[in-house]
PDB file of all heavy atoms in Angstrom:
ATOM      1  N   ASP A   1       0.838  -1.205   0.000  1.00  0.00           N
ATOM      2  CA  ASP A   1       0.000   0.000   0.000  1.00  0.00           C
ATOM      3  C   ASP A   1       0.872   1.253   0.000  1.00  0.00           C
ATOM      4  O   ASP A   1       0.639   2.191  -0.758  1.00  0.00           O
ATOM      5  CB  ASP A   1      -0.920   0.039   1.227  1.00  0.00           C
ATOM      6  CG  ASP A   1      -1.969  -1.060   1.221  1.00  0.00           C
ATOM      7  OD1 ASP A   1      -2.184  -1.667   0.154  1.00  0.00           O
ATOM      8  OD2 ASP A   1      -2.547  -1.313   2.291  1.00  0.00           O
ATOM      9  N   ILE A   2       1.870   1.254   0.854  1.00  0.00           N
ATOM     10  CA  ILE A   2       2.778   2.397   0.979  1.00  0.00           C
ATOM     11  C   ILE A   2       3.602   2.567  -0.297  1.00  0.00           C
ATOM     12  O   ILE A   2       3.669   3.647  -0.869  1.00  0.00           O
ATOM     13  CB  ILE A   2       3.731   2.198   2.179  1.00  0.00           C
ATOM     14  CG1 ILE A   2       2.978   2.319   3.493  1.00  0.00           C
ATOM     15  CG2 ILE A   2       4.909   3.148   2.131  1.00  0.00           C
ATOM     16  CD1 ILE A   2       2.844   3.689   4.055  1.00  0.00           C
ATOM     17  N   THR A   3       4.247   1.488  -0.734  1.00  0.00           N
ATOM     18  CA  THR A   3       5.147   1.595  -1.879  1.00  0.00           C
ATOM     19  C   THR A   3       4.397   1.945  -3.165  1.00  0.00           C
ATOM     20  O   THR A   3       4.899   2.716  -3.972  1.00  0.00           O
ATOM     21  CB  THR A   3       5.959   0.299  -2.071  1.00  0.00           C
ATOM     22  OG1 THR A   3       5.077  -0.811  -2.188  1.00  0.00           O
ATOM     23  CG2 THR A   3       6.894   0.075  -0.889  1.00  0.00           C
ATOM     24  N   MET A   4       3.200   1.403  -3.326  1.00  0.00           N
ATOM     25  CA  MET A   4       2.430   1.716  -4.529  1.00  0.00           C
ATOM     26  C   MET A   4       1.966   3.170  -4.532  1.00  0.00           C
ATOM     27  O   MET A   4       2.002   3.835  -5.568  1.00  0.00           O
ATOM     28  CB  MET A   4       1.248   0.768  -4.673  1.00  0.00           C
ATOM     29  CG  MET A   4       1.668  -0.618  -5.134  1.00  0.00           C
ATOM     30  SD  MET A   4       0.336  -1.825  -5.244  1.00  0.00           S
ATOM     31  CE  MET A   4      -0.846  -0.997  -6.268  1.00  0.00           C
ATOM     32  N   LYS A   5       1.534   3.670  -3.373  1.00  0.00           N
ATOM     33  CA  LYS A   5       1.082   5.066  -3.299  1.00  0.00           C
ATOM     34  C   LYS A   5       2.213   6.026  -3.639  1.00  0.00           C
ATOM     35  O   LYS A   5       2.046   6.943  -4.447  1.00  0.00           O
ATOM     36  CB  LYS A   5       0.530   5.376  -1.910  1.00  0.00           C
ATOM     37  CG  LYS A   5      -0.819   4.770  -1.637  1.00  0.00           C
ATOM     38  CD  LYS A   5      -1.259   5.027  -0.208  1.00  0.00           C
ATOM     39  CE  LYS A   5      -2.514   4.248   0.127  1.00  0.00           C
ATOM     40  NZ  LYS A   5      -2.860   4.334   1.552  1.00  0.00           N
ATOM     41  N   ILE A   6       3.366   5.814  -3.024  1.00  0.00           N
ATOM     42  CA  ILE A   6       4.502   6.704  -3.296  1.00  0.00           C
ATOM     43  C   ILE A   6       4.984   6.516  -4.729  1.00  0.00           C
ATOM     44  O   ILE A   6       5.278   7.489  -5.423  1.00  0.00           O
ATOM     45  CB  ILE A   6       5.629   6.474  -2.275  1.00  0.00           C
ATOM     46  CG1 ILE A   6       5.156   6.919  -0.883  1.00  0.00           C
ATOM     47  CG2 ILE A   6       6.888   7.250  -2.678  1.00  0.00           C
ATOM     48  CD1 ILE A   6       6.131   6.669   0.240  1.00  0.00           C
ATOM     49  N   GLY A   7       5.036   5.265  -5.189  1.00  0.00           N
ATOM     50  CA  GLY A   7       5.452   4.997  -6.568  1.00  0.00           C
ATOM     51  C   GLY A   7       4.548   5.677  -7.586  1.00  0.00           C
ATOM     52  O   GLY A   7       5.021   6.254  -8.571  1.00  0.00           O
ATOM     53  N   ASN A   8       3.246   5.637  -7.351  1.00  0.00           N
ATOM     54  CA  ASN A   8       2.296   6.295  -8.262  1.00  0.00           C
ATOM     55  C   ASN A   8       2.481   7.811  -8.251  1.00  0.00           C
ATOM     56  O   ASN A   8       2.393   8.460  -9.301  1.00  0.00           O
ATOM     57  CB  ASN A   8       0.859   5.933  -7.890  1.00  0.00           C
ATOM     58  CG  ASN A   8       0.514   4.508  -8.230  1.00  0.00           C
ATOM     59  OD1 ASN A   8       1.158   3.881  -9.064  1.00  0.00           O
ATOM     60  ND2 ASN A   8      -0.494   3.963  -7.568  1.00  0.00           N
ATOM     61  N   GLN A   9       2.723   8.374  -7.068  1.00  0.00           N
ATOM     62  CA  GLN A   9       2.950   9.818  -6.970  1.00  0.00           C
ATOM     63  C   GLN A   9       4.223  10.210  -7.733  1.00  0.00           C
ATOM     64  O   GLN A   9       4.241  11.216  -8.446  1.00  0.00           O
ATOM     65  CB  GLN A   9       3.075  10.246  -5.506  1.00  0.00           C
ATOM     66  CG  GLN A   9       1.795  10.121  -4.722  1.00  0.00           C
ATOM     67  CD  GLN A   9       2.015  10.355  -3.233  1.00  0.00           C
ATOM     68  OE1 GLN A   9       2.948  11.038  -2.813  1.00  0.00           O
ATOM     69  NE2 GLN A   9       1.148   9.773  -2.417  1.00  0.00           N
ATOM     70  N   LEU A  10       5.271   9.397  -7.590  1.00  0.00           N
ATOM     71  CA  LEU A  10       6.528   9.670  -8.302  1.00  0.00           C
ATOM     72  C   LEU A  10       6.326   9.587  -9.810  1.00  0.00           C
ATOM     73  O   LEU A  10       6.829  10.422 -10.557  1.00  0.00           O
ATOM     74  CB  LEU A  10       7.606   8.677  -7.870  1.00  0.00           C
ATOM     75  CG  LEU A  10       8.218   8.894  -6.504  1.00  0.00           C
ATOM     76  CD1 LEU A  10       9.035   7.677  -6.087  1.00  0.00           C
ATOM     77  CD2 LEU A  10       9.084  10.143  -6.500  1.00  0.00           C
ATOM     78  N   GLU A  11       5.569   8.595 -10.251  1.00  0.00           N
ATOM     79  CA  GLU A  11       5.336   8.430 -11.686  1.00  0.00           C
ATOM     80  C   GLU A  11       4.525   9.590 -12.264  1.00  0.00           C
ATOM     81  O   GLU A  11       4.728   9.975 -13.415  1.00  0.00           O
ATOM     82  CB  GLU A  11       4.651   7.098 -11.963  1.00  0.00           C
ATOM     83  CG  GLU A  11       4.724   6.723 -13.425  1.00  0.00           C
ATOM     84  CD  GLU A  11       4.268   5.303 -13.693  1.00  0.00           C
ATOM     85  OE1 GLU A  11       4.281   4.474 -12.784  1.00  0.00           O
ATOM     86  OE2 GLU A  11       3.885   5.053 -14.848  1.00  0.00           O
ATOM     87  N   GLN A  12       3.627  10.153 -11.471  1.00  0.00           N
ATOM     88  CA  GLN A  12       2.863  11.312 -11.947  1.00  0.00           C
ATOM     89  C   GLN A  12       3.781  12.499 -12.221  1.00  0.00           C
ATOM     90  O   GLN A  12       3.542  13.276 -13.139  1.00  0.00           O
ATOM     91  CB  GLN A  12       1.802  11.706 -10.928  1.00  0.00           C
ATOM     92  CG  GLN A  12       0.631  10.763 -10.879  1.00  0.00           C
ATOM     93  CD  GLN A  12      -0.371  11.139  -9.797  1.00  0.00           C
ATOM     94  OE1 GLN A  12      -0.129  12.034  -8.990  1.00  0.00           O
ATOM     95  NE2 GLN A  12      -1.494  10.449  -9.774  1.00  0.00           N
ATOM     96  N   VAL A  13       4.824  12.631 -11.430  1.00  0.00           N
ATOM     97  CA  VAL A  13       5.744  13.764 -11.594  1.00  0.00           C
ATOM     98  C   VAL A  13       6.829  13.463 -12.625  1.00  0.00           C
ATOM     99  O   VAL A  13       7.114  14.292 -13.485  1.00  0.00           O
ATOM    100  CB  VAL A  13       6.386  14.143 -10.238  1.00  0.00           C
ATOM    101  CG1 VAL A  13       7.471  15.182 -10.412  1.00  0.00           C
ATOM    102  CG2 VAL A  13       5.316  14.647  -9.277  1.00  0.00           C
ATOM    103  N   TYR A  14       7.436  12.270 -12.541  1.00  0.00           N
ATOM    104  CA  TYR A  14       8.579  11.947 -13.401  1.00  0.00           C
ATOM    105  C   TYR A  14       8.206  11.154 -14.641  1.00  0.00           C
ATOM    106  O   TYR A  14       9.040  10.950 -15.522  1.00  0.00           O
ATOM    107  CB  TYR A  14       9.649  11.208 -12.595  1.00  0.00           C
ATOM    108  CG  TYR A  14      10.246  12.078 -11.525  1.00  0.00           C
ATOM    109  CD1 TYR A  14       9.812  12.015 -10.208  1.00  0.00           C
ATOM    110  CD2 TYR A  14      11.231  13.011 -11.832  1.00  0.00           C
ATOM    111  CE1 TYR A  14      10.343  12.836  -9.230  1.00  0.00           C
ATOM    112  CE2 TYR A  14      11.765  13.841 -10.871  1.00  0.00           C
ATOM    113  CZ  TYR A  14      11.323  13.748  -9.565  1.00  0.00           C
ATOM    114  OH  TYR A  14      11.845  14.576  -8.604  1.00  0.00           O
ATOM    115  N   GLY A  15       6.964  10.691 -14.728  1.00  0.00           N
ATOM    116  CA  GLY A  15       6.493   9.985 -15.911  1.00  0.00           C
ATOM    117  C   GLY A  15       6.951   8.536 -15.972  1.00  0.00           C
ATOM    118  O   GLY A  15       7.659   8.038 -15.102  1.00  0.00           O
ATOM    119  N   ALA A  16       6.555   7.871 -17.031  1.00  0.00           N
ATOM    120  CA  ALA A  16       6.886   6.459 -17.239  1.00  0.00           C
ATOM    121  C   ALA A  16       8.387   6.267 -17.404  1.00  0.00           C
ATOM    122  O   ALA A  16       8.910   5.175 -17.190  1.00  0.00           O
ATOM    123  CB  ALA A  16       6.149   5.919 -18.455  1.00  0.00           C
ATOM    124  N   GLU A  17       9.073   7.322 -17.750  1.00  0.00           N
ATOM    125  CA  GLU A  17      10.529   7.278 -17.921  1.00  0.00           C
ATOM    126  C   GLU A  17      11.223   6.836 -16.631  1.00  0.00           C
ATOM    127  O   GLU A  17      12.316   6.279 -16.663  1.00  0.00           O
ATOM    128  CB  GLU A  17      11.024   8.669 -18.340  1.00  0.00           C
ATOM    129  CG  GLU A  17      12.444   8.705 -18.794  1.00  0.00           C
ATOM    130  CD  GLU A  17      12.827  10.079 -19.296  1.00  0.00           C
ATOM    131  OE1 GLU A  17      13.180  10.933 -18.458  1.00  0.00           O
ATOM    132  OE2 GLU A  17      12.788  10.291 -20.522  1.00  0.00           O
ATOM    133  N   LEU A  18      10.584   7.068 -15.512  1.00  0.00           N
ATOM    134  CA  LEU A  18      11.120   6.656 -14.211  1.00  0.00           C
ATOM    135  C   LEU A  18      11.400   5.152 -14.192  1.00  0.00           C
ATOM    136  O   LEU A  18      12.377   4.704 -13.604  1.00  0.00           O
ATOM    137  CB  LEU A  18      10.135   7.028 -13.105  1.00  0.00           C
ATOM    138  CG  LEU A  18      10.561   6.783 -11.661  1.00  0.00           C
ATOM    139  CD1 LEU A  18      11.744   7.668 -11.293  1.00  0.00           C
ATOM    140  CD2 LEU A  18       9.405   7.065 -10.724  1.00  0.00           C
ATOM    141  N   LYS A  19      10.557   4.376 -14.859  1.00  0.00           N
ATOM    142  CA  LYS A  19      10.726   2.923 -14.904  1.00  0.00           C
ATOM    143  C   LYS A  19      11.603   2.468 -16.070  1.00  0.00           C
ATOM    144  O   LYS A  19      12.319   1.486 -15.955  1.00  0.00           O
ATOM    145  CB  LYS A  19       9.367   2.235 -15.020  1.00  0.00           C
ATOM    146  CG  LYS A  19       8.506   2.388 -13.792  1.00  0.00           C
ATOM    147  CD  LYS A  19       7.169   1.720 -13.986  1.00  0.00           C
ATOM    148  CE  LYS A  19       6.286   1.920 -12.773  1.00  0.00           C
ATOM    149  NZ  LYS A  19       4.945   1.369 -12.988  1.00  0.00           N
ATOM    150  N   THR A  20      11.545   3.159 -17.180  1.00  0.00           N
ATOM    151  CA  THR A  20      12.240   2.695 -18.375  1.00  0.00           C
ATOM    152  C   THR A  20      13.684   3.175 -18.481  1.00  0.00           C
ATOM    153  O   THR A  20      14.497   2.527 -19.114  1.00  0.00           O
ATOM    154  CB  THR A  20      11.488   3.126 -19.645  1.00  0.00           C
ATOM    155  OG1 THR A  20      11.382   4.550 -19.675  1.00  0.00           O
ATOM    156  CG2 THR A  20      10.102   2.499 -19.703  1.00  0.00           C
ATOM    157  N   LYS A  21      13.991   4.302 -17.861  1.00  0.00           N
ATOM    158  CA  LYS A  21      15.361   4.838 -17.913  1.00  0.00           C
ATOM    159  C   LYS A  21      15.947   4.886 -16.500  1.00  0.00           C
ATOM    160  O   LYS A  21      16.222   5.947 -15.951  1.00  0.00           O
ATOM    161  CB  LYS A  21      15.374   6.213 -18.568  1.00  0.00           C
ATOM    162  CG  LYS A  21      14.968   6.177 -20.019  1.00  0.00           C
ATOM    163  CD  LYS A  21      15.150   7.504 -20.691  1.00  0.00           C
ATOM    164  CE  LYS A  21      14.793   7.383 -22.162  1.00  0.00           C
ATOM    165  NZ  LYS A  21      14.873   8.669 -22.848  1.00  0.00           N
ATOM    166  N   TYR A  22      16.154   3.675 -15.968  1.00  0.00           N
ATOM    167  CA  TYR A  22      16.618   3.521 -14.591  1.00  0.00           C
ATOM    168  C   TYR A  22      17.869   4.349 -14.306  1.00  0.00           C
ATOM    169  O   TYR A  22      17.984   4.989 -13.265  1.00  0.00           O
ATOM    170  CB  TYR A  22      16.888   2.041 -14.309  1.00  0.00           C
ATOM    171  CG  TYR A  22      17.362   1.789 -12.912  1.00  0.00           C
ATOM    172  CD1 TYR A  22      16.456   1.650 -11.861  1.00  0.00           C
ATOM    173  CD2 TYR A  22      18.719   1.721 -12.621  1.00  0.00           C
ATOM    174  CE1 TYR A  22      16.884   1.440 -10.573  1.00  0.00           C
ATOM    175  CE2 TYR A  22      19.163   1.512 -11.329  1.00  0.00           C
ATOM    176  CZ  TYR A  22      18.250   1.373 -10.312  1.00  0.00           C
ATOM    177  OH  TYR A  22      18.680   1.173  -9.033  1.00  0.00           O
ATOM    178  N   TRP A  23      18.841   4.325 -15.212  1.00  0.00           N
ATOM    179  CA  TRP A  23      20.120   5.013 -15.009  1.00  0.00           C
ATOM    180  C   TRP A  23      19.955   6.509 -14.792  1.00  0.00           C
ATOM    181  O   TRP A  23      20.768   7.135 -14.126  1.00  0.00           O
ATOM    182  CB  TRP A  23      21.040   4.749 -16.196  1.00  0.00           C
ATOM    183  CG  TRP A  23      20.488   5.276 -17.490  1.00  0.00           C
ATOM    184  CD1 TRP A  23      20.712   6.498 -18.037  1.00  0.00           C
ATOM    185  CD2 TRP A  23      19.590   4.602 -18.377  1.00  0.00           C
ATOM    186  NE1 TRP A  23      20.006   6.633 -19.216  1.00  0.00           N
ATOM    187  CE2 TRP A  23      19.311   5.481 -19.449  1.00  0.00           C
ATOM    188  CE3 TRP A  23      18.991   3.345 -18.382  1.00  0.00           C
ATOM    189  CZ2 TRP A  23      18.466   5.141 -20.503  1.00  0.00           C
ATOM    190  CZ3 TRP A  23      18.156   3.010 -19.440  1.00  0.00           C
ATOM    191  CH2 TRP A  23      17.908   3.896 -20.479  1.00  0.00           C
ATOM    192  N   LYS A  24      18.906   7.069 -15.301  1.00  0.00           N
ATOM    193  CA  LYS A  24      18.660   8.507 -15.182  1.00  0.00           C
ATOM    194  C   LYS A  24      18.105   8.871 -13.796  1.00  0.00           C
ATOM    195  O   LYS A  24      18.212  10.018 -13.366  1.00  0.00           O
ATOM    196  CB  LYS A  24      17.669   8.921 -16.277  1.00  0.00           C
ATOM    197  CG  LYS A  24      17.556  10.391 -16.505  1.00  0.00           C
ATOM    198  CD  LYS A  24      16.678  10.665 -17.715  1.00  0.00           C
ATOM    199  CE  LYS A  24      16.453  12.136 -17.908  1.00  0.00           C
ATOM    200  NZ  LYS A  24      15.572  12.427 -19.031  1.00  0.00           N
ATOM    201  N   TYR A  25      17.528   7.880 -13.113  1.00  0.00           N
ATOM    202  CA  TYR A  25      16.866   8.118 -11.826  1.00  0.00           C
ATOM    203  C   TYR A  25      17.395   7.185 -10.730  1.00  0.00           C
ATOM    204  O   TYR A  25      16.665   6.792  -9.840  1.00  0.00           O
ATOM    205  CB  TYR A  25      15.352   7.917 -11.985  1.00  0.00           C
ATOM    206  CG  TYR A  25      14.732   8.863 -12.988  1.00  0.00           C
ATOM    207  CD1 TYR A  25      14.473   8.445 -14.287  1.00  0.00           C
ATOM    208  CD2 TYR A  25      14.426  10.165 -12.625  1.00  0.00           C
ATOM    209  CE1 TYR A  25      13.910   9.315 -15.213  1.00  0.00           C
ATOM    210  CE2 TYR A  25      13.858  11.041 -13.539  1.00  0.00           C
ATOM    211  CZ  TYR A  25      13.607  10.609 -14.830  1.00  0.00           C
ATOM    212  OH  TYR A  25      13.049  11.478 -15.734  1.00  0.00           O
ATOM    213  N   LYS A  26      18.675   6.835 -10.792  1.00  0.00           N
ATOM    214  CA  LYS A  26      19.248   5.912  -9.806  1.00  0.00           C
ATOM    215  C   LYS A  26      19.055   6.399  -8.376  1.00  0.00           C
ATOM    216  O   LYS A  26      18.779   5.612  -7.492  1.00  0.00           O
ATOM    217  CB  LYS A  26      20.748   5.734 -10.062  1.00  0.00           C
ATOM    218  CG  LYS A  26      21.080   4.795 -11.166  1.00  0.00           C
ATOM    219  CD  LYS A  26      22.568   4.502 -11.120  1.00  0.00           C
ATOM    220  CE  LYS A  26      23.161   4.629 -12.484  1.00  0.00           C
ATOM    221  NZ  LYS A  26      24.605   4.410 -12.482  1.00  0.00           N
ATOM    222  N   ASP A  27      19.210   7.699  -8.172  1.00  0.00           N
ATOM    223  CA  ASP A  27      19.061   8.247  -6.821  1.00  0.00           C
ATOM    224  C   ASP A  27      17.635   8.090  -6.295  1.00  0.00           C
ATOM    225  O   ASP A  27      17.424   7.763  -5.127  1.00  0.00           O
ATOM    226  CB  ASP A  27      19.500   9.713  -6.770  1.00  0.00           C
ATOM    227  CG  ASP A  27      18.775  10.590  -7.784  1.00  0.00           C
ATOM    228  OD1 ASP A  27      18.152  10.077  -8.739  1.00  0.00           O
ATOM    229  OD2 ASP A  27      18.839  11.824  -7.641  1.00  0.00           O
ATOM    230  N   ILE A  28      16.656   8.273  -7.156  1.00  0.00           N
ATOM    231  CA  ILE A  28      15.255   8.120  -6.742  1.00  0.00           C
ATOM    232  C   ILE A  28      14.952   6.653  -6.456  1.00  0.00           C
ATOM    233  O   ILE A  28      14.279   6.327  -5.477  1.00  0.00           O
ATOM    234  CB  ILE A  28      14.291   8.700  -7.800  1.00  0.00           C
ATOM    235  CG1 ILE A  28      14.481  10.223  -7.880  1.00  0.00           C
ATOM    236  CG2 ILE A  28      12.842   8.350  -7.467  1.00  0.00           C
ATOM    237  CD1 ILE A  28      13.673  10.900  -8.948  1.00  0.00           C
ATOM    238  N   HIS A  29      15.477   5.744  -7.277  1.00  0.00           N
ATOM    239  CA  HIS A  29      15.270   4.320  -7.038  1.00  0.00           C
ATOM    240  C   HIS A  29      15.932   3.885  -5.733  1.00  0.00           C
ATOM    241  O   HIS A  29      15.353   3.081  -4.991  1.00  0.00           O
ATOM    242  CB  HIS A  29      15.781   3.489  -8.218  1.00  0.00           C
ATOM    243  CG  HIS A  29      14.899   3.560  -9.409  1.00  0.00           C
ATOM    244  ND1 HIS A  29      13.769   2.787  -9.547  1.00  0.00           N
ATOM    245  CD2 HIS A  29      14.954   4.340 -10.516  1.00  0.00           C
ATOM    246  CE1 HIS A  29      13.182   3.075 -10.692  1.00  0.00           C
ATOM    247  NE2 HIS A  29      13.879   4.018 -11.301  1.00  0.00           N
ATOM    248  N   ALA A  30      17.102   4.406  -5.439  1.00  0.00           N
ATOM    249  CA  ALA A  30      17.775   4.091  -4.177  1.00  0.00           C
ATOM    250  C   ALA A  30      16.962   4.617  -2.995  1.00  0.00           C
ATOM    251  O   ALA A  30      16.814   3.940  -1.973  1.00  0.00           O
ATOM    252  CB  ALA A  30      19.182   4.680  -4.167  1.00  0.00           C
ATOM    253  N   ALA A  31      16.399   5.811  -3.136  1.00  0.00           N
ATOM    254  CA  ALA A  31      15.567   6.389  -2.074  1.00  0.00           C
ATOM    255  C   ALA A  31      14.289   5.567  -1.887  1.00  0.00           C
ATOM    256  O   ALA A  31      13.850   5.344  -0.753  1.00  0.00           O
ATOM    257  CB  ALA A  31      15.221   7.839  -2.392  1.00  0.00           C
ATOM    258  N   MET A  32      13.699   5.097  -2.971  1.00  0.00           N
ATOM    259  CA  MET A  32      12.500   4.256  -2.861  1.00  0.00           C
ATOM    260  C   MET A  32      12.832   2.921  -2.198  1.00  0.00           C
ATOM    261  O   MET A  32      12.051   2.395  -1.410  1.00  0.00           O
ATOM    262  CB  MET A  32      11.883   3.994  -4.234  1.00  0.00           C
ATOM    263  CG  MET A  32      10.732   4.900  -4.601  1.00  0.00           C
ATOM    264  SD  MET A  32       9.449   5.054  -3.342  1.00  0.00           S
ATOM    265  CE  MET A  32       8.549   3.540  -3.544  1.00  0.00           C
ATOM    266  N   SER A  33      13.991   2.389  -2.489  1.00  0.00           N
ATOM    267  CA  SER A  33      14.424   1.143  -1.857  1.00  0.00           C
ATOM    268  C   SER A  33      14.587   1.348  -0.349  1.00  0.00           C
ATOM    269  O   SER A  33      14.132   0.524   0.451  1.00  0.00           O
ATOM    270  CB  SER A  33      15.750   0.695  -2.482  1.00  0.00           C
ATOM    271  OG  SER A  33      16.167  -0.506  -1.921  1.00  0.00           O
ATOM    272  N   ALA A  34      15.202   2.450   0.037  1.00  0.00           N
ATOM    273  CA  ALA A  34      15.351   2.770   1.462  1.00  0.00           C
ATOM    274  C   ALA A  34      13.989   2.996   2.108  1.00  0.00           C
ATOM    275  O   ALA A  34      13.737   2.546   3.232  1.00  0.00           O
ATOM    276  CB  ALA A  34      16.233   4.003   1.628  1.00  0.00           C
ATOM    277  N   THR A  35      13.102   3.665   1.408  1.00  0.00           N
ATOM    278  CA  THR A  35      11.749   3.921   1.907  1.00  0.00           C
ATOM    279  C   THR A  35      11.015   2.597   2.156  1.00  0.00           C
ATOM    280  O   THR A  35      10.343   2.425   3.165  1.00  0.00           O
ATOM    281  CB  THR A  35      10.969   4.790   0.901  1.00  0.00           C
ATOM    282  OG1 THR A  35      11.645   6.031   0.750  1.00  0.00           O
ATOM    283  CG2 THR A  35       9.554   5.052   1.361  1.00  0.00           C
ATOM    284  N   THR A  36      11.164   1.653   1.241  1.00  0.00           N
ATOM    285  CA  THR A  36      10.528   0.350   1.387  1.00  0.00           C
ATOM    286  C   THR A  36      11.073  -0.393   2.604  1.00  0.00           C
ATOM    287  O   THR A  36      10.313  -0.995   3.364  1.00  0.00           O
ATOM    288  CB  THR A  36      10.724  -0.492   0.108  1.00  0.00           C
ATOM    289  OG1 THR A  36      10.151   0.218  -0.989  1.00  0.00           O
ATOM    290  CG2 THR A  36      10.066  -1.855   0.211  1.00  0.00           C
TER     291      THR A  36
END
């Protein structure tokens, strides 16, 4: 519930590119991993 809510909010701001261009958002993915 938590991870999906935050993930959806992030995708609204950063777009689908957040998932497809991992290298461009490594810091955000690391922060989401820590958040989880």
